[in-house]
Amino acid sequence: MPKVKNFKVIIEQDEDGIFITEVPAIPGCYTQGRTYEEAVKGIKEVIELCLEEAKDDPVYRAKIDLDESSPEKFLGVTSVPVRVSF
């Protein structure tokens, strides 16, 4: 039975409102979406494609950091506006 791994995904929103996603543990694993939901769905598909590729490519598989996956949920980074008076 296959194992389930939780990969950390970095999600950013660019100046045009597009959501950019990346998985640091998997080289070349990134995508984008017009909505948050679309981006999350897309990155799951890209993770699956990358892992499928890794089955047949031992060099690529060796670059994937499976220890980086974890069960905790990273909620994100945000910008906090603070007035600077100097």
C-alpha atoms as a PDB file:
ATOM      1  CA  MET A   1       0.000   0.000   0.000  1.00  0.00           C
ATOM      2  CA  PRO A   2       1.428   3.432  -0.931  1.00  0.00           C
ATOM      3  CA  LYS A   3       2.466   5.816   1.823  1.00  0.00           C
ATOM      4  CA  VAL A   4       0.824   9.213   2.180  1.00  0.00           C
ATOM      5  CA  LYS A   5       3.243  12.133   2.481  1.00  0.00           C
ATOM      6  CA  ASN A   6       2.356  15.720   3.294  1.00  0.00           C
ATOM      7  CA  PHE A   7       4.558  18.114   1.357  1.00  0.00           C
ATOM      8  CA  LYS A   8       5.005  21.729   2.383  1.00  0.00           C
ATOM      9  CA  VAL A   9       3.783  24.022  -0.389  1.00  0.00           C
ATOM     10  CA  ILE A  10       4.722  27.686  -0.599  1.00  0.00           C
ATOM     11  CA  ILE A  11       1.899  29.791  -2.006  1.00  0.00           C
ATOM     12  CA  GLU A  12       2.397  33.403  -3.050  1.00  0.00           C
ATOM     13  CA  GLN A  13       0.103  35.808  -4.834  1.00  0.00           C
ATOM     14  CA  ASP A  14       1.705  38.013  -7.477  1.00  0.00           C
ATOM     15  CA  GLU A  15       0.837  41.595  -8.370  1.00  0.00           C
ATOM     16  CA  ASP A  16      -1.775  40.386 -10.893  1.00  0.00           C
ATOM     17  CA  GLY A  17      -3.543  38.214  -8.303  1.00  0.00           C
ATOM     18  CA  ILE A  18      -2.193  34.905  -9.659  1.00  0.00           C
ATOM     19  CA  PHE A  19      -1.383  32.279  -7.013  1.00  0.00           C
ATOM     20  CA  ILE A  20       2.091  30.770  -7.476  1.00  0.00           C
ATOM     21  CA  THR A  21       2.817  27.453  -5.734  1.00  0.00           C
ATOM     22  CA  GLU A  22       6.106  25.651  -5.163  1.00  0.00           C
ATOM     23  CA  VAL A  23       7.215  22.525  -3.294  1.00  0.00           C
ATOM     24  CA  PRO A  24      10.752  23.127  -1.957  1.00  0.00           C
ATOM     25  CA  ALA A  25      11.346  19.414  -1.300  1.00  0.00           C
ATOM     26  CA  ILE A  26      10.838  18.520  -4.988  1.00  0.00           C
ATOM     27  CA  PRO A  27      13.035  20.237  -7.593  1.00  0.00           C
ATOM     28  CA  GLY A  28      11.047  21.786 -10.435  1.00  0.00           C
ATOM     29  CA  CYS A  29       7.719  21.262  -8.681  1.00  0.00           C
ATOM     30  CA  TYR A  30       5.696  24.439  -9.144  1.00  0.00           C
ATOM     31  CA  THR A  31       2.574  25.762 -10.858  1.00  0.00           C
ATOM     32  CA  GLN A  32       0.094  28.612 -10.690  1.00  0.00           C
ATOM     33  CA  GLY A  33      -3.637  29.251 -10.632  1.00  0.00           C
ATOM     34  CA  ARG A  34      -6.117  32.098 -10.908  1.00  0.00           C
ATOM     35  CA  THR A  35      -7.635  31.134  -7.556  1.00  0.00           C
ATOM     36  CA  TYR A  36      -6.194  29.647  -4.369  1.00  0.00           C
ATOM     37  CA  GLU A  37      -8.235  26.477  -4.904  1.00  0.00           C
ATOM     38  CA  GLU A  38      -7.052  26.135  -8.498  1.00  0.00           C
ATOM     39  CA  ALA A  39      -3.427  26.567  -7.408  1.00  0.00           C
ATOM     40  CA  VAL A  40      -3.727  23.925  -4.662  1.00  0.00           C
ATOM     41  CA  LYS A  41      -5.418  21.469  -7.037  1.00  0.00           C
ATOM     42  CA  GLY A  42      -2.729  22.148  -9.632  1.00  0.00           C
ATOM     43  CA  ILE A  43       0.209  21.663  -7.281  1.00  0.00           C
ATOM     44  CA  LYS A  44      -1.210  18.331  -6.108  1.00  0.00           C
ATOM     45  CA  GLU A  45      -1.276  17.187  -9.737  1.00  0.00           C
ATOM     46  CA  VAL A  46       2.279  18.447 -10.302  1.00  0.00           C
ATOM     47  CA  ILE A  47       3.522  16.668  -7.151  1.00  0.00           C
ATOM     48  CA  GLU A  48       1.987  13.441  -8.426  1.00  0.00           C
ATOM     49  CA  LEU A  49       3.642  13.944 -11.844  1.00  0.00           C
ATOM     50  CA  CYS A  50       7.021  14.638 -10.257  1.00  0.00           C
ATOM     51  CA  LEU A  51       6.768  11.557  -8.054  1.00  0.00           C
ATOM     52  CA  GLU A  52       5.752   9.471 -11.072  1.00  0.00           C
ATOM     53  CA  GLU A  53       8.829  10.755 -12.923  1.00  0.00           C
ATOM     54  CA  ALA A  54      10.976   9.910  -9.885  1.00  0.00           C
ATOM     55  CA  LYS A  55       9.931   6.248 -10.115  1.00  0.00           C
ATOM     56  CA  ASP A  56      11.826   5.885 -13.401  1.00  0.00           C
ATOM     57  CA  ASP A  57      14.639   8.386 -12.791  1.00  0.00           C
ATOM     58  CA  PRO A  58      16.897   7.511  -9.842  1.00  0.00           C
ATOM     59  CA  VAL A  59      18.951  10.702 -10.261  1.00  0.00           C
ATOM     60  CA  TYR A  60      15.820  12.867  -9.953  1.00  0.00           C
ATOM     61  CA  ARG A  61      14.471  10.675  -7.119  1.00  0.00           C
ATOM     62  CA  ALA A  62      17.682  11.245  -5.135  1.00  0.00           C
ATOM     63  CA  LYS A  63      17.059  15.021  -5.290  1.00  0.00           C
ATOM     64  CA  ILE A  64      13.633  14.746  -3.621  1.00  0.00           C
ATOM     65  CA  ASP A  65      13.730  15.406   0.114  1.00  0.00           C
ATOM     66  CA  LEU A  66      11.127  13.016   1.533  1.00  0.00           C
ATOM     67  CA  ASP A  67      12.173  13.956   5.074  1.00  0.00           C
ATOM     68  CA  GLU A  68      10.907  17.490   4.369  1.00  0.00           C
ATOM     69  CA  SER A  69       7.322  16.221   4.256  1.00  0.00           C
ATOM     70  CA  SER A  70       5.476  16.454   7.546  1.00  0.00           C
ATOM     71  CA  PRO A  71       1.995  16.133   9.042  1.00  0.00           C
ATOM     72  CA  GLU A  72       1.814  19.651  10.479  1.00  0.00           C
ATOM     73  CA  LYS A  73       0.034  22.360   8.546  1.00  0.00           C
ATOM     74  CA  PHE A  74       1.995  25.501   7.715  1.00  0.00           C
ATOM     75  CA  LEU A  75      -0.498  28.347   7.532  1.00  0.00           C
ATOM     76  CA  GLY A  76       1.544  30.916   5.705  1.00  0.00           C
ATOM     77  CA  VAL A  77       3.349  34.204   5.703  1.00  0.00           C
ATOM     78  CA  THR A  78       1.625  37.549   5.405  1.00  0.00           C
ATOM     79  CA  SER A  79       2.510  41.211   5.154  1.00  0.00           C
ATOM     80  CA  VAL A  80       1.605  43.358   8.141  1.00  0.00           C
ATOM     81  CA  PRO A  81       1.292  47.103   7.497  1.00  0.00           C
ATOM     82  CA  VAL A  82       2.998  49.157  10.197  1.00  0.00           C
ATOM     83  CA  ARG A  83       3.297  52.928  10.157  1.00  0.00           C
ATOM     84  CA  VAL A  84       6.930  54.050  10.372  1.00  0.00           C
ATOM     85  CA  SER A  85       7.416  57.555  11.752  1.00  0.00           C
ATOM     86  CA  PHE A  86      11.103  58.120  11.130  1.00  0.00           C
END
